[in-house]
Amino acid sequence: MLNLTPAFSLFGCQRAFFKELKCYKIFNIASTIKKIEKDEKVFQEVMDEVSSSEGVLWAFPLYYLLVSSQYKRFIELIWERGTAGVFKNKYTAVLSTSIHFFDHTAHNYMNAICDDLDMKYLGYFSAAMYDLMSRKGREKWTLFASEFFDGIQNRVPTAKKYSPILYHPLDYVPGSPGQKVSIQGKRVLILSDLKEPNNNLGRMIERFRNSFAEDVTVISLHQIDIKGGCLGCIQCGYDYQCAYGDQDEYVQFYKDHVNPADILIFAGTIQDRYLSSRWKMFFDRSFFNTHTPSLTGKQVGFILSGPLRQISNLRQILEAYTEWQQANLVDIITDEEEDSKVLDARLQHLAERVVHLAEKHYIKPKTFLSVGGMKIFRDDVWGKLRFPFQADHRFYKKHRVYDFPHRNYKARIMNAVLILLTKIPSMRKEIYRKRMKEEMLKPLQKIVQGEK
């Protein structure tokens, strides 16, 4: 008999997925995480089911380029309570739902977690919100399920995609700061998940803080009253009002400290290939801003303790988050340096650069990370998500995020004429073989020559 133990029940989809099975168990991890965290018997019940199962399905909706903070906390508990061994050699797969905004970073993360747990990874299924509404979508889903079950039954060989992390941190001993950097009236906020100040992260924060001539604000996320993670209720979609309201301090803290800051420094410790679940809760709860950037124009830096160089997926998440927020990522500094003096110099330089770039109001040119991501939001809010996310729709209209249809009439007329001309073979040959490159460069040449 095949046992399948998913970690999350995805609305009504389990019937279609599990109808071939005679024995399976569903745990709603995210919605019961506080009980799982507080009651070790409840946690152990999940581990016992995993131990007796032949397959494990990790299923979740995407939250900010990853799993939710509640789900992330469960993954942390696996290692904290020494139960990683029960997952060893279990066949596994991943199911996610999203609008395909950085679903690949969530899948990369879960694949790496499964590899770290010595599981046999059989792939992922990334479902869009309404895939099951179409016959083709249901057929794809059924085929994935069949391949997953067949893989378990036939004990197919699998390969790991991610190597184990080998991390030997520097014992950082900070030196005296050099010339103090004046913040030039800019508001600097350092946010961290620091619990114990006498470690590398604590010393890096203090060294960076001491680089400034004036006092800067340093706040630990553990000092903020945050009742829980994002509920996914979409109440904020209408007018950016979070369902928690004044039940905790998060929204007011964000408005009072994060929004006014000119310079934001996020400091944290890497845990299981991401930051802590506390940091994930911070990012998730900021979704009360929905799909509207809330860090526009800010200078952002990350100070991290942990093996970032071995986790390229995390680096891309941090870069994508900052760029989509229309902020400027100045640098990411970790304690992976071989010498404390080098780390001192990098922290000092970060302090100098964030102030300098804040004065210049510099924002890097956009890359695919934000251009592609914003187009996904633009199209979905214009279409099927307009009703639930009316606040986004109003913002997108006001700030011309809806940049279609293109109103460059000169280009439209030129395109129409040139397309018509290419219907003539001799003209098509002339344009594509002889003149295309030259004509495309001609406007830029005028600019360059004009600057000279």
Foldseek 3Di string as FASTA:
>chain_A
DAEEEEAADDPPCCCLLCVVDDHYDYHHQQVCLVVVVPDVVVVVVSLVSLLPHQEYEYEAEDFQLAGFLSVQVNLLVCVVVVPLQSQAAREYEYEYEDLPQNPVLHQVLVLLSSVVSNYAYDYYDYHYPCLVVDPVSSVVSNVSSVSSVVCSVVVDHGDRPADDDDDDFDQADADQADAAAELVPAAEEEEEQDDDLNGPLNVLVVLLQNSHPDHHHYDYLVVFWDPGAQPPPLPLLAPLQGPCHVVTCLVVCCVVRVQRGQEYEYEAEDDSLEGHSSVSRNSRVSCSVPQAQRNALHEYEYEYEDDVVSRVSRVLSVVLVQVLSNYAYPYYHYRRDPDNVVSSVVSSVSSNVRSVCSVVSDHDDHDCSNVVSLVSVLVCCVPDVVVSRVVVVVVCVVVVSVCPPPPPVVVVVVVVVLVVQCVDVVSVCCCPVPNVVVVVCVVVVVVVVVVD
